[in-house]
Amino acid sequence: MGEADQRVKQHIHTALGERSTRVGVLIVQGIANSIDLIEEQPTAVIEAVSEHADKLLREEPKSPRREIREAFKNYCQHILAKLGDRPRAGLSHSGRSSRCAPAPPRRWPDCAP
């Protein structure tokens, strides 16, 4: 095993030993998974999610999560606008995704120094 491989192995071992690192990875991956899930949904689902975020924004205008909800709503609106510009790939006539497998995981940036 080369020196670079040893450094990567040590880096991973140290990172996985720290709870805050594991939690941080789960948060980032959760956001990425949410985005992937939105992109795979029928229009009605995306509209419902956007409307729900809008409802929360109106009901809780001073929430510390306001900016995140706004970003989520805006992303849904962005996807809906893209879908309006062209037919949705991967959807059957019923509007359900014809794709059976989840999207592949996103690649993490290189952790080597």
PDB file of N, CA and C in Angstrom:
ATOM      1  N   MET A   1       0.848  -1.167   0.000  1.00  0.00           N
ATOM      2  CA  MET A   1       0.000   0.000   0.000  1.00  0.00           C
ATOM      3  C   MET A   1       0.899   1.236   0.000  1.00  0.00           C
ATOM      4  N   GLY A   2       0.584   2.173  -0.910  1.00  0.00           N
ATOM      5  CA  GLY A   2       1.387   3.377  -1.043  1.00  0.00           C
ATOM      6  C   GLY A   2       1.137   4.391   0.057  1.00  0.00           C
ATOM      7  N   GLU A   3       1.999   5.389   0.083  1.00  0.00           N
ATOM      8  CA  GLU A   3       1.895   6.430   1.111  1.00  0.00           C
ATOM      9  C   GLU A   3       0.572   7.189   0.998  1.00  0.00           C
ATOM     10  N   ALA A   4       0.125   7.477  -0.226  1.00  0.00           N
ATOM     11  CA  ALA A   4      -1.140   8.195  -0.419  1.00  0.00           C
ATOM     12  C   ALA A   4      -2.309   7.361   0.097  1.00  0.00           C
ATOM     13  N   ASP A   5      -2.271   6.055  -0.167  1.00  0.00           N
ATOM     14  CA  ASP A   5      -3.336   5.169   0.320  1.00  0.00           C
ATOM     15  C   ASP A   5      -3.365   5.128   1.845  1.00  0.00           C
ATOM     16  N   GLN A   6      -2.216   5.125   2.461  1.00  0.00           N
ATOM     17  CA  GLN A   6      -2.130   5.127   3.923  1.00  0.00           C
ATOM     18  C   GLN A   6      -2.739   6.402   4.497  1.00  0.00           C
ATOM     19  N   ARG A   7      -2.452   7.557   3.853  1.00  0.00           N
ATOM     20  CA  ARG A   7      -3.005   8.828   4.325  1.00  0.00           C
ATOM     21  C   ARG A   7      -4.527   8.819   4.209  1.00  0.00           C
ATOM     22  N   VAL A   8      -5.042   8.320   3.084  1.00  0.00           N
ATOM     23  CA  VAL A   8      -6.498   8.261   2.897  1.00  0.00           C
ATOM     24  C   VAL A   8      -7.121   7.357   3.938  1.00  0.00           C
ATOM     25  N   LYS A   9      -6.519   6.196   4.156  1.00  0.00           N
ATOM     26  CA  LYS A   9      -7.034   5.251   5.139  1.00  0.00           C
ATOM     27  C   LYS A   9      -7.052   5.881   6.536  1.00  0.00           C
ATOM     28  N   GLN A  10      -5.988   6.563   6.913  1.00  0.00           N
ATOM     29  CA  GLN A  10      -5.915   7.210   8.222  1.00  0.00           C
ATOM     30  C   GLN A  10      -6.949   8.336   8.321  1.00  0.00           C
ATOM     31  N   HIS A  11      -7.097   9.109   7.250  1.00  0.00           N
ATOM     32  CA  HIS A  11      -8.067  10.203   7.237  1.00  0.00           C
ATOM     33  C   HIS A  11      -9.483   9.661   7.449  1.00  0.00           C
ATOM     34  N   ILE A  12      -9.830   8.600   6.749  1.00  0.00           N
ATOM     35  CA  ILE A  12     -11.166   7.998   6.872  1.00  0.00           C
ATOM     36  C   ILE A  12     -11.357   7.431   8.278  1.00  0.00           C
ATOM     37  N   HIS A  13     -10.361   6.743   8.779  1.00  0.00           N
ATOM     38  CA  HIS A  13     -10.450   6.162  10.121  1.00  0.00           C
ATOM     39  C   HIS A  13     -10.685   7.252  11.164  1.00  0.00           C
ATOM     40  N   THR A  14      -9.947   8.345  11.066  1.00  0.00           N
ATOM     41  CA  THR A  14     -10.100   9.453  12.017  1.00  0.00           C
ATOM     42  C   THR A  14     -11.474  10.093  11.871  1.00  0.00           C
ATOM     43  N   ALA A  15     -11.898  10.357  10.624  1.00  0.00           N
ATOM     44  CA  ALA A  15     -13.187  11.012  10.383  1.00  0.00           C
ATOM     45  C   ALA A  15     -14.351  10.166  10.883  1.00  0.00           C
ATOM     46  N   LEU A  16     -14.322   8.872  10.608  1.00  0.00           N
ATOM     47  CA  LEU A  16     -15.415   8.002  11.035  1.00  0.00           C
ATOM     48  C   LEU A  16     -15.454   7.826  12.544  1.00  0.00           C
ATOM     49  N   GLY A  17     -14.356   8.104  13.203  1.00  0.00           N
ATOM     50  CA  GLY A  17     -14.310   8.003  14.655  1.00  0.00           C
ATOM     51  C   GLY A  17     -14.925   9.215  15.347  1.00  0.00           C
ATOM     52  N   GLU A  18     -15.221  10.272  14.583  1.00  0.00           N
ATOM     53  CA  GLU A  18     -15.792  11.489  15.161  1.00  0.00           C
ATOM     54  C   GLU A  18     -17.274  11.581  14.817  1.00  0.00           C
ATOM     55  N   ARG A  19     -18.101  11.637  15.830  1.00  0.00           N
ATOM     56  CA  ARG A  19     -19.546  11.688  15.626  1.00  0.00           C
ATOM     57  C   ARG A  19     -19.957  12.882  14.772  1.00  0.00           C
ATOM     58  N   SER A  20     -19.366  14.032  15.019  1.00  0.00           N
ATOM     59  CA  SER A  20     -19.755  15.234  14.277  1.00  0.00           C
ATOM     60  C   SER A  20     -19.505  15.067  12.775  1.00  0.00           C
ATOM     61  N   THR A  21     -18.462  14.367  12.413  1.00  0.00           N
ATOM     62  CA  THR A  21     -18.186  14.121  10.999  1.00  0.00           C
ATOM     63  C   THR A  21     -19.253  13.207  10.408  1.00  0.00           C
ATOM     64  N   ARG A  22     -19.610  12.146  11.130  1.00  0.00           N
ATOM     65  CA  ARG A  22     -20.640  11.224  10.632  1.00  0.00           C
ATOM     66  C   ARG A  22     -21.972  11.949  10.478  1.00  0.00           C
ATOM     67  N   VAL A  23     -22.329  12.776  11.451  1.00  0.00           N
ATOM     68  CA  VAL A  23     -23.584  13.526  11.386  1.00  0.00           C
ATOM     69  C   VAL A  23     -23.551  14.508  10.223  1.00  0.00           C
ATOM     70  N   GLY A  24     -22.432  15.189  10.044  1.00  0.00           N
ATOM     71  CA  GLY A  24     -22.296  16.129   8.924  1.00  0.00           C
ATOM     72  C   GLY A  24     -22.484  15.449   7.576  1.00  0.00           C
ATOM     73  N   VAL A  25     -21.903  14.282   7.433  1.00  0.00           N
ATOM     74  CA  VAL A  25     -22.057  13.525   6.190  1.00  0.00           C
ATOM     75  C   VAL A  25     -23.523  13.147   5.978  1.00  0.00           C
ATOM     76  N   LEU A  26     -24.212  12.731   7.035  1.00  0.00           N
ATOM     77  CA  LEU A  26     -25.626  12.376   6.919  1.00  0.00           C
ATOM     78  C   LEU A  26     -26.472  13.580   6.507  1.00  0.00           C
ATOM     79  N   ILE A  27     -26.172  14.752   7.046  1.00  0.00           N
ATOM     80  CA  ILE A  27     -26.919  15.958   6.686  1.00  0.00           C
ATOM     81  C   ILE A  27     -26.717  16.286   5.207  1.00  0.00           C
ATOM     82  N   VAL A  28     -25.475  16.302   4.771  1.00  0.00           N
ATOM     83  CA  VAL A  28     -25.182  16.625   3.371  1.00  0.00           C
ATOM     84  C   VAL A  28     -25.812  15.589   2.441  1.00  0.00           C
ATOM     85  N   GLN A  29     -25.704  14.330   2.787  1.00  0.00           N
ATOM     86  CA  GLN A  29     -26.282  13.276   1.951  1.00  0.00           C
ATOM     87  C   GLN A  29     -27.804  13.355   1.952  1.00  0.00           C
ATOM     88  N   GLY A  30     -28.406  13.717   3.077  1.00  0.00           N
ATOM     89  CA  GLY A  30     -29.857  13.884   3.138  1.00  0.00           C
ATOM     90  C   GLY A  30     -30.345  14.975   2.198  1.00  0.00           C
ATOM     91  N   ILE A  31     -29.619  16.073   2.147  1.00  0.00           N
ATOM     92  CA  ILE A  31     -29.978  17.158   1.228  1.00  0.00           C
ATOM     93  C   ILE A  31     -29.851  16.681  -0.211  1.00  0.00           C
ATOM     94  N   ALA A  32     -28.756  16.017  -0.532  1.00  0.00           N
ATOM     95  CA  ALA A  32     -28.549  15.516  -1.896  1.00  0.00           C
ATOM     96  C   ALA A  32     -29.644  14.513  -2.276  1.00  0.00           C
ATOM     97  N   ASN A  33     -30.009  13.634  -1.346  1.00  0.00           N
ATOM     98  CA  ASN A  33     -31.070  12.658  -1.627  1.00  0.00           C
ATOM     99  C   ASN A  33     -32.419  13.336  -1.837  1.00  0.00           C
ATOM    100  N   SER A  34     -32.705  14.382  -1.051  1.00  0.00           N
ATOM    101  CA  SER A  34     -33.964  15.116  -1.222  1.00  0.00           C
ATOM    102  C   SER A  34     -34.042  15.735  -2.607  1.00  0.00           C
ATOM    103  N   ILE A  35     -32.968  16.318  -3.049  1.00  0.00           N
ATOM    104  CA  ILE A  35     -32.936  16.930  -4.379  1.00  0.00           C
ATOM    105  C   ILE A  35     -33.140  15.869  -5.449  1.00  0.00           C
ATOM    106  N   ASP A  36     -32.448  14.746  -5.309  1.00  0.00           N
ATOM    107  CA  ASP A  36     -32.612  13.657  -6.278  1.00  0.00           C
ATOM    108  C   ASP A  36     -34.048  13.155  -6.306  1.00  0.00           C
ATOM    109  N   LEU A  37     -34.665  13.019  -5.138  1.00  0.00           N
ATOM    110  CA  LEU A  37     -36.049  12.534  -5.063  1.00  0.00           C
ATOM    111  C   LEU A  37     -37.019  13.504  -5.738  1.00  0.00           C
ATOM    112  N   ILE A  38     -36.838  14.794  -5.516  1.00  0.00           N
ATOM    113  CA  ILE A  38     -37.718  15.784  -6.147  1.00  0.00           C
ATOM    114  C   ILE A  38     -37.647  15.651  -7.658  1.00  0.00           C
ATOM    115  N   GLU A  39     -36.454  15.520  -8.186  1.00  0.00           N
ATOM    116  CA  GLU A  39     -36.271  15.458  -9.632  1.00  0.00           C
ATOM    117  C   GLU A  39     -36.938  14.233 -10.256  1.00  0.00           C
ATOM    118  N   GLU A  40     -37.205  13.213  -9.472  1.00  0.00           N
ATOM    119  CA  GLU A  40     -37.774  11.976  -9.993  1.00  0.00           C
ATOM    120  C   GLU A  40     -39.293  11.890  -9.832  1.00  0.00           C
ATOM    121  N   GLN A  41     -39.914  12.897  -9.251  1.00  0.00           N
ATOM    122  CA  GLN A  41     -41.339  12.820  -8.944  1.00  0.00           C
ATOM    123  C   GLN A  41     -42.206  13.362 -10.073  1.00  0.00           C
ATOM    124  N   PRO A  42     -43.468  12.888 -10.118  1.00  0.00           N
ATOM    125  CA  PRO A  42     -44.426  13.459 -11.061  1.00  0.00           C
ATOM    126  C   PRO A  42     -44.693  14.921 -10.706  1.00  0.00           C
ATOM    127  N   THR A  43     -45.158  15.669 -11.677  1.00  0.00           N
ATOM    128  CA  THR A  43     -45.428  17.097 -11.497  1.00  0.00           C
ATOM    129  C   THR A  43     -46.325  17.365 -10.294  1.00  0.00           C
ATOM    130  N   ALA A  44     -47.370  16.567 -10.103  1.00  0.00           N
ATOM    131  CA  ALA A  44     -48.305  16.796  -8.994  1.00  0.00           C
ATOM    132  C   ALA A  44     -47.599  16.733  -7.644  1.00  0.00           C
ATOM    133  N   VAL A  45     -46.669  15.827  -7.498  1.00  0.00           N
ATOM    134  CA  VAL A  45     -45.934  15.701  -6.231  1.00  0.00           C
ATOM    135  C   VAL A  45     -45.053  16.929  -6.014  1.00  0.00           C
ATOM    136  N   ILE A  46     -44.362  17.354  -7.061  1.00  0.00           N
ATOM    137  CA  ILE A  46     -43.486  18.527  -6.940  1.00  0.00           C
ATOM    138  C   ILE A  46     -44.313  19.767  -6.602  1.00  0.00           C
ATOM    139  N   GLU A  47     -45.472  19.899  -7.250  1.00  0.00           N
ATOM    140  CA  GLU A  47     -46.353  21.033  -6.947  1.00  0.00           C
ATOM    141  C   GLU A  47     -46.824  20.988  -5.494  1.00  0.00           C
ATOM    142  N   ALA A  48     -47.190  19.808  -5.010  1.00  0.00           N
ATOM    143  CA  ALA A  48     -47.658  19.675  -3.627  1.00  0.00           C
ATOM    144  C   ALA A  48     -46.550  20.029  -2.637  1.00  0.00           C
ATOM    145  N   VAL A  49     -45.346  19.600  -2.903  1.00  0.00           N
ATOM    146  CA  VAL A  49     -44.214  19.908  -2.022  1.00  0.00           C
ATOM    147  C   VAL A  49     -43.963  21.418  -2.016  1.00  0.00           C
ATOM    148  N   SER A  50     -44.009  22.025  -3.186  1.00  0.00           N
ATOM    149  CA  SER A  50     -43.808  23.469  -3.294  1.00  0.00           C
ATOM    150  C   SER A  50     -44.901  24.229  -2.537  1.00  0.00           C
ATOM    151  N   GLU A  51     -46.148  23.799  -2.697  1.00  0.00           N
ATOM    152  CA  GLU A  51     -47.269  24.445  -2.000  1.00  0.00           C
ATOM    153  C   GLU A  51     -47.153  24.273  -0.486  1.00  0.00           C
ATOM    154  N   HIS A  52     -46.691  23.110  -0.052  1.00  0.00           N
ATOM    155  CA  HIS A  52     -46.510  22.877   1.383  1.00  0.00           C
ATOM    156  C   HIS A  52     -45.428  23.808   1.937  1.00  0.00           C
ATOM    157  N   ALA A  53     -44.332  23.934   1.217  1.00  0.00           N
ATOM    158  CA  ALA A  53     -43.268  24.853   1.658  1.00  0.00           C
ATOM    159  C   ALA A  53     -43.793  26.280   1.717  1.00  0.00           C
ATOM    160  N   ASP A  54     -44.595  26.671   0.726  1.00  0.00           N
ATOM    161  CA  ASP A  54     -45.188  28.009   0.702  1.00  0.00           C
ATOM    162  C   ASP A  54     -46.109  28.218   1.915  1.00  0.00           C
ATOM    163  N   LYS A  55     -46.895  27.201   2.231  1.00  0.00           N
ATOM    164  CA  LYS A  55     -47.798  27.266   3.388  1.00  0.00           C
ATOM    165  C   LYS A  55     -47.003  27.463   4.683  1.00  0.00           C
ATOM    166  N   LEU A  56     -45.922  26.713   4.835  1.00  0.00           N
ATOM    167  CA  LEU A  56     -45.082  26.855   6.025  1.00  0.00           C
ATOM    168  C   LEU A  56     -44.463  28.249   6.097  1.00  0.00           C
ATOM    169  N   LEU A  57     -44.085  28.793   4.951  1.00  0.00           N
ATOM    170  CA  LEU A  57     -43.511  30.135   4.920  1.00  0.00           C
ATOM    171  C   LEU A  57     -44.521  31.182   5.389  1.00  0.00           C
ATOM    172  N   ARG A  58     -45.790  31.010   4.990  1.00  0.00           N
ATOM    173  CA  ARG A  58     -46.838  31.950   5.409  1.00  0.00           C
ATOM    174  C   ARG A  58     -47.179  31.782   6.891  1.00  0.00           C
ATOM    175  N   GLU A  59     -47.247  30.539   7.354  1.00  0.00           N
ATOM    176  CA  GLU A  59     -47.645  30.270   8.735  1.00  0.00           C
ATOM    177  C   GLU A  59     -46.548  30.576   9.747  1.00  0.00           C
ATOM    178  N   GLU A  60     -45.312  30.435   9.342  1.00  0.00           N
ATOM    179  CA  GLU A  60     -44.183  30.641  10.249  1.00  0.00           C
ATOM    180  C   GLU A  60     -43.168  31.595   9.615  1.00  0.00           C
ATOM    181  N   PRO A  61     -43.557  32.868   9.424  1.00  0.00           N
ATOM    182  CA  PRO A  61     -42.678  33.790   8.689  1.00  0.00           C
ATOM    183  C   PRO A  61     -41.352  34.093   9.380  1.00  0.00           C
ATOM    184  N   LYS A  62     -41.282  33.884  10.676  1.00  0.00           N
ATOM    185  CA  LYS A  62     -40.043  34.199  11.394  1.00  0.00           C
ATOM    186  C   LYS A  62     -39.256  32.947  11.783  1.00  0.00           C
ATOM    187  N   SER A  63     -39.597  31.832  11.177  1.00  0.00           N
ATOM    188  CA  SER A  63     -38.913  30.581  11.495  1.00  0.00           C
ATOM    189  C   SER A  63     -37.432  30.668  11.110  1.00  0.00           C
ATOM    190  N   PRO A  64     -36.552  30.092  11.933  1.00  0.00           N
ATOM    191  CA  PRO A  64     -35.132  30.062  11.561  1.00  0.00           C
ATOM    192  C   PRO A  64     -34.878  29.197  10.321  1.00  0.00           C
ATOM    193  N   ARG A  65     -35.875  28.422   9.927  1.00  0.00           N
ATOM    194  CA  ARG A  65     -35.737  27.567   8.734  1.00  0.00           C
ATOM    195  C   ARG A  65     -36.274  28.251   7.469  1.00  0.00           C
ATOM    196  N   ARG A  66     -36.651  29.499   7.595  1.00  0.00           N
ATOM    197  CA  ARG A  66     -37.283  30.211   6.486  1.00  0.00           C
ATOM    198  C   ARG A  66     -36.442  30.159   5.196  1.00  0.00           C
ATOM    199  N   GLU A  67     -35.182  30.458   5.292  1.00  0.00           N
ATOM    200  CA  GLU A  67     -34.337  30.497   4.096  1.00  0.00           C
ATOM    201  C   GLU A  67     -34.234  29.121   3.434  1.00  0.00           C
ATOM    202  N   ILE A  68     -34.167  28.080   4.242  1.00  0.00           N
ATOM    203  CA  ILE A  68     -34.098  26.727   3.686  1.00  0.00           C
ATOM    204  C   ILE A  68     -35.405  26.389   2.983  1.00  0.00           C
ATOM    205  N   ARG A  69     -36.539  26.744   3.604  1.00  0.00           N
ATOM    206  CA  ARG A  69     -37.843  26.478   2.989  1.00  0.00           C
ATOM    207  C   ARG A  69     -37.999  27.265   1.689  1.00  0.00           C
ATOM    208  N   GLU A  70     -37.545  28.514   1.688  1.00  0.00           N
ATOM    209  CA  GLU A  70     -37.609  29.311   0.466  1.00  0.00           C
ATOM    210  C   GLU A  70     -36.773  28.675  -0.636  1.00  0.00           C
ATOM    211  N   ALA A  71     -35.575  28.226  -0.291  1.00  0.00           N
ATOM    212  CA  ALA A  71     -34.708  27.593  -1.278  1.00  0.00           C
ATOM    213  C   ALA A  71     -35.344  26.312  -1.819  1.00  0.00           C
ATOM    214  N   PHE A  72     -35.946  25.540  -0.938  1.00  0.00           N
ATOM    215  CA  PHE A  72     -36.602  24.300  -1.337  1.00  0.00           C
ATOM    216  C   PHE A  72     -37.775  24.593  -2.275  1.00  0.00           C
ATOM    217  N   LYS A  73     -38.593  25.578  -1.910  1.00  0.00           N
ATOM    218  CA  LYS A  73     -39.724  25.973  -2.753  1.00  0.00           C
ATOM    219  C   LYS A  73     -39.220  26.470  -4.107  1.00  0.00           C
ATOM    220  N   ASN A  74     -38.195  27.308  -4.092  1.00  0.00           N
ATOM    221  CA  ASN A  74     -37.639  27.828  -5.345  1.00  0.00           C
ATOM    222  C   ASN A  74     -37.087  26.710  -6.220  1.00  0.00           C
ATOM    223  N   TYR A  75     -36.471  25.705  -5.585  1.00  0.00           N
ATOM    224  CA  TYR A  75     -35.945  24.585  -6.367  1.00  0.00           C
ATOM    225  C   TYR A  75     -37.088  23.807  -7.019  1.00  0.00           C
ATOM    226  N   CYS A  76     -38.165  23.589  -6.266  1.00  0.00           N
ATOM    227  CA  CYS A  76     -39.337  22.914  -6.841  1.00  0.00           C
ATOM    228  C   CYS A  76     -39.869  23.711  -8.031  1.00  0.00           C
ATOM    229  N   GLN A  77     -39.958  25.037  -7.872  1.00  0.00           N
ATOM    230  CA  GLN A  77     -40.443  25.880  -8.957  1.00  0.00           C
ATOM    231  C   GLN A  77     -39.510  25.817 -10.170  1.00  0.00           C
ATOM    232  N   HIS A  78     -38.230  25.752  -9.915  1.00  0.00           N
ATOM    233  CA  HIS A  78     -37.238  25.629 -10.993  1.00  0.00           C
ATOM    234  C   HIS A  78     -37.447  24.317 -11.770  1.00  0.00           C
ATOM    235  N   ILE A  79     -37.637  23.227 -11.041  1.00  0.00           N
ATOM    236  CA  ILE A  79     -37.861  21.925 -11.687  1.00  0.00           C
ATOM    237  C   ILE A  79     -39.163  21.957 -12.482  1.00  0.00           C
ATOM    238  N   LEU A  80     -40.218  22.538 -11.914  1.00  0.00           N
ATOM    239  CA  LEU A  80     -41.495  22.634 -12.637  1.00  0.00           C
ATOM    240  C   LEU A  80     -41.341  23.458 -13.907  1.00  0.00           C
ATOM    241  N   ALA A  81     -40.577  24.528 -13.848  1.00  0.00           N
ATOM    242  CA  ALA A  81     -40.352  25.348 -15.042  1.00  0.00           C
ATOM    243  C   ALA A  81     -39.591  24.561 -16.104  1.00  0.00           C
ATOM    244  N   LYS A  82     -38.582  23.798 -15.659  1.00  0.00           N
ATOM    245  CA  LYS A  82     -37.837  22.961 -16.609  1.00  0.00           C
ATOM    246  C   LYS A  82     -38.753  21.925 -17.242  1.00  0.00           C
ATOM    247  N   LEU A  83     -39.641  21.344 -16.451  1.00  0.00           N
ATOM    248  CA  LEU A  83     -40.558  20.331 -16.971  1.00  0.00           C
ATOM    249  C   LEU A  83     -41.554  20.937 -17.945  1.00  0.00           C
ATOM    250  N   GLY A  84     -41.891  22.191 -17.740  1.00  0.00           N
ATOM    251  CA  GLY A  84     -42.808  22.867 -18.653  1.00  0.00           C
ATOM    252  C   GLY A  84     -42.181  23.140 -19.996  1.00  0.00           C
ATOM    253  N   ASP A  85     -40.859  23.225 -20.047  1.00  0.00           N
ATOM    254  CA  ASP A  85     -40.139  23.519 -21.283  1.00  0.00           C
ATOM    255  C   ASP A  85     -39.984  22.304 -22.185  1.00  0.00           C
ATOM    256  N   ARG A  86     -40.018  21.115 -21.600  1.00  0.00           N
ATOM    257  CA  ARG A  86     -39.815  19.898 -22.408  1.00  0.00           C
ATOM    258  C   ARG A  86     -40.499  18.719 -21.728  1.00  0.00           C
ATOM    259  N   PRO A  87     -40.771  17.667 -22.490  1.00  0.00           N
ATOM    260  CA  PRO A  87     -41.378  16.473 -21.881  1.00  0.00           C
ATOM    261  C   PRO A  87     -40.441  15.882 -20.843  1.00  0.00           C
ATOM    262  N   ARG A  88     -41.009  15.324 -19.818  1.00  0.00           N
ATOM    263  CA  ARG A  88     -40.238  14.740 -18.715  1.00  0.00           C
ATOM    264  C   ARG A  88     -39.731  13.360 -19.092  1.00  0.00           C
ATOM    265  N   ALA A  89     -38.441  13.175 -19.094  1.00  0.00           N
ATOM    266  CA  ALA A  89     -37.844  11.878 -19.382  1.00  0.00           C
ATOM    267  C   ALA A  89     -38.090  10.942 -18.212  1.00  0.00           C
ATOM    268  N   GLY A  90     -38.302   9.673 -18.499  1.00  0.00           N
ATOM    269  CA  GLY A  90     -38.443   8.675 -17.445  1.00  0.00           C
ATOM    270  C   GLY A  90     -39.840   8.569 -16.885  1.00  0.00           C
ATOM    271  N   LEU A  91     -40.813   9.286 -17.448  1.00  0.00           N
ATOM    272  CA  LEU A  91     -42.178   9.205 -16.950  1.00  0.00           C
ATOM    273  C   LEU A  91     -43.051   8.456 -17.941  1.00  0.00           C
ATOM    274  N   SER A  92     -43.872   7.611 -17.424  1.00  0.00           N
ATOM    275  CA  SER A  92     -44.843   6.916 -18.256  1.00  0.00           C
ATOM    276  C   SER A  92     -46.036   7.833 -18.477  1.00  0.00           C
ATOM    277  N   HIS A  93     -47.011   7.400 -19.234  1.00  0.00           N
ATOM    278  CA  HIS A  93     -48.196   8.194 -19.520  1.00  0.00           C
ATOM    279  C   HIS A  93     -48.956   8.560 -18.251  1.00  0.00           C
ATOM    280  N   SER A  94     -48.892   7.721 -17.238  1.00  0.00           N
ATOM    281  CA  SER A  94     -49.621   7.970 -15.995  1.00  0.00           C
ATOM    282  C   SER A  94     -48.975   9.054 -15.145  1.00  0.00           C
ATOM    283  N   GLY A  95     -47.761   9.494 -15.538  1.00  0.00           N
ATOM    284  CA  GLY A  95     -47.075  10.509 -14.750  1.00  0.00           C
ATOM    285  C   GLY A  95     -46.213   9.925 -13.653  1.00  0.00           C
ATOM    286  N   ARG A  96     -46.156   8.614 -13.582  1.00  0.00           N
ATOM    287  CA  ARG A  96     -45.297   7.973 -12.594  1.00  0.00           C
ATOM    288  C   ARG A  96     -43.950   7.661 -13.210  1.00  0.00           C
ATOM    289  N   SER A  97     -42.960   7.678 -12.397  1.00  0.00           N
ATOM    290  CA  SER A  97     -41.623   7.387 -12.879  1.00  0.00           C
ATOM    291  C   SER A  97     -41.536   5.934 -13.312  1.00  0.00           C
ATOM    292  N   SER A  98     -40.958   5.720 -14.492  1.00  0.00           N
ATOM    293  CA  SER A  98     -40.780   4.352 -14.971  1.00  0.00           C
ATOM    294  C   SER A  98     -39.450   3.792 -14.477  1.00  0.00           C
ATOM    295  N   ARG A  99     -38.728   4.581 -13.772  1.00  0.00           N
ATOM    296  CA  ARG A  99     -37.436   4.179 -13.263  1.00  0.00           C
ATOM    297  C   ARG A  99     -37.615   3.403 -11.969  1.00  0.00           C
ATOM    298  N   CYS A 100     -36.993   2.256 -11.853  1.00  0.00           N
ATOM    299  CA  CYS A 100     -37.162   1.424 -10.663  1.00  0.00           C
ATOM    300  C   CYS A 100     -36.057   1.646  -9.642  1.00  0.00           C
ATOM    301  N   ALA A 101     -34.869   1.886 -10.110  1.00  0.00           N
ATOM    302  CA  ALA A 101     -33.734   1.998  -9.202  1.00  0.00           C
ATOM    303  C   ALA A 101     -33.530   3.452  -8.794  1.00  0.00           C
ATOM    304  N   PRO A 102     -33.086   3.683  -7.561  1.00  0.00           N
ATOM    305  CA  PRO A 102     -32.794   5.056  -7.149  1.00  0.00           C
ATOM    306  C   PRO A 102     -31.587   5.595  -7.898  1.00  0.00           C
ATOM    307  N   ALA A 103     -31.446   6.895  -7.886  1.00  0.00           N
ATOM    308  CA  ALA A 103     -30.306   7.525  -8.547  1.00  0.00           C
ATOM    309  C   ALA A 103     -29.021   7.059  -7.874  1.00  0.00           C
ATOM    310  N   PRO A 104     -27.930   6.962  -8.648  1.00  0.00           N
ATOM    311  CA  PRO A 104     -26.666   6.567  -8.029  1.00  0.00           C
ATOM    312  C   PRO A 104     -26.219   7.636  -7.041  1.00  0.00           C
ATOM    313  N   PRO A 105     -25.475   7.244  -6.012  1.00  0.00           N
ATOM    314  CA  PRO A 105     -25.036   8.231  -5.028  1.00  0.00           C
ATOM    315  C   PRO A 105     -24.120   9.264  -5.663  1.00  0.00           C
ATOM    316  N   ARG A 106     -24.176  10.471  -5.140  1.00  0.00           N
ATOM    317  CA  ARG A 106     -23.289  11.523  -5.631  1.00  0.00           C
ATOM    318  C   ARG A 106     -21.870  11.217  -5.177  1.00  0.00           C
ATOM    319  N   ARG A 107     -20.916  11.603  -5.995  1.00  0.00           N
ATOM    320  CA  ARG A 107     -19.514  11.404  -5.643  1.00  0.00           C
ATOM    321  C   ARG A 107     -19.072  12.482  -4.680  1.00  0.00           C
ATOM    322  N   TRP A 108     -18.320  12.084  -3.684  1.00  0.00           N
ATOM    323  CA  TRP A 108     -17.772  13.053  -2.741  1.00  0.00           C
ATOM    324  C   TRP A 108     -16.476  13.589  -3.293  1.00  0.00           C
ATOM    325  N   PRO A 109     -16.157  14.836  -2.999  1.00  0.00           N
ATOM    326  CA  PRO A 109     -14.893  15.393  -3.469  1.00  0.00           C
ATOM    327  C   PRO A 109     -13.723  14.621  -2.857  1.00  0.00           C
ATOM    328  N   ASP A 110     -12.627  14.689  -3.532  1.00  0.00           N
ATOM    329  CA  ASP A 110     -11.418  14.007  -3.067  1.00  0.00           C
ATOM    330  C   ASP A 110     -11.016  14.544  -1.698  1.00  0.00           C
ATOM    331  N   CYS A 111     -10.808  13.665  -0.747  1.00  0.00           N
ATOM    332  CA  CYS A 111     -10.481  14.069   0.616  1.00  0.00           C
ATOM    333  C   CYS A 111      -8.977  14.196   0.856  1.00  0.00           C
ATOM    334  N   ALA A 112      -8.196  13.789  -0.130  1.00  0.00           N
ATOM    335  CA  ALA A 112      -6.744  13.836   0.053  1.00  0.00           C
ATOM    336  C   ALA A 112      -6.271  15.285   0.120  1.00  0.00           C
ATOM    337  N   PRO A 113      -5.295  15.561   0.946  1.00  0.00           N
ATOM    338  CA  PRO A 113      -4.803  16.951   1.055  1.00  0.00           C
ATOM    339  C   PRO A 113      -4.087  17.388  -0.190  1.00  0.00           C
TER     340      PRO A 113
END
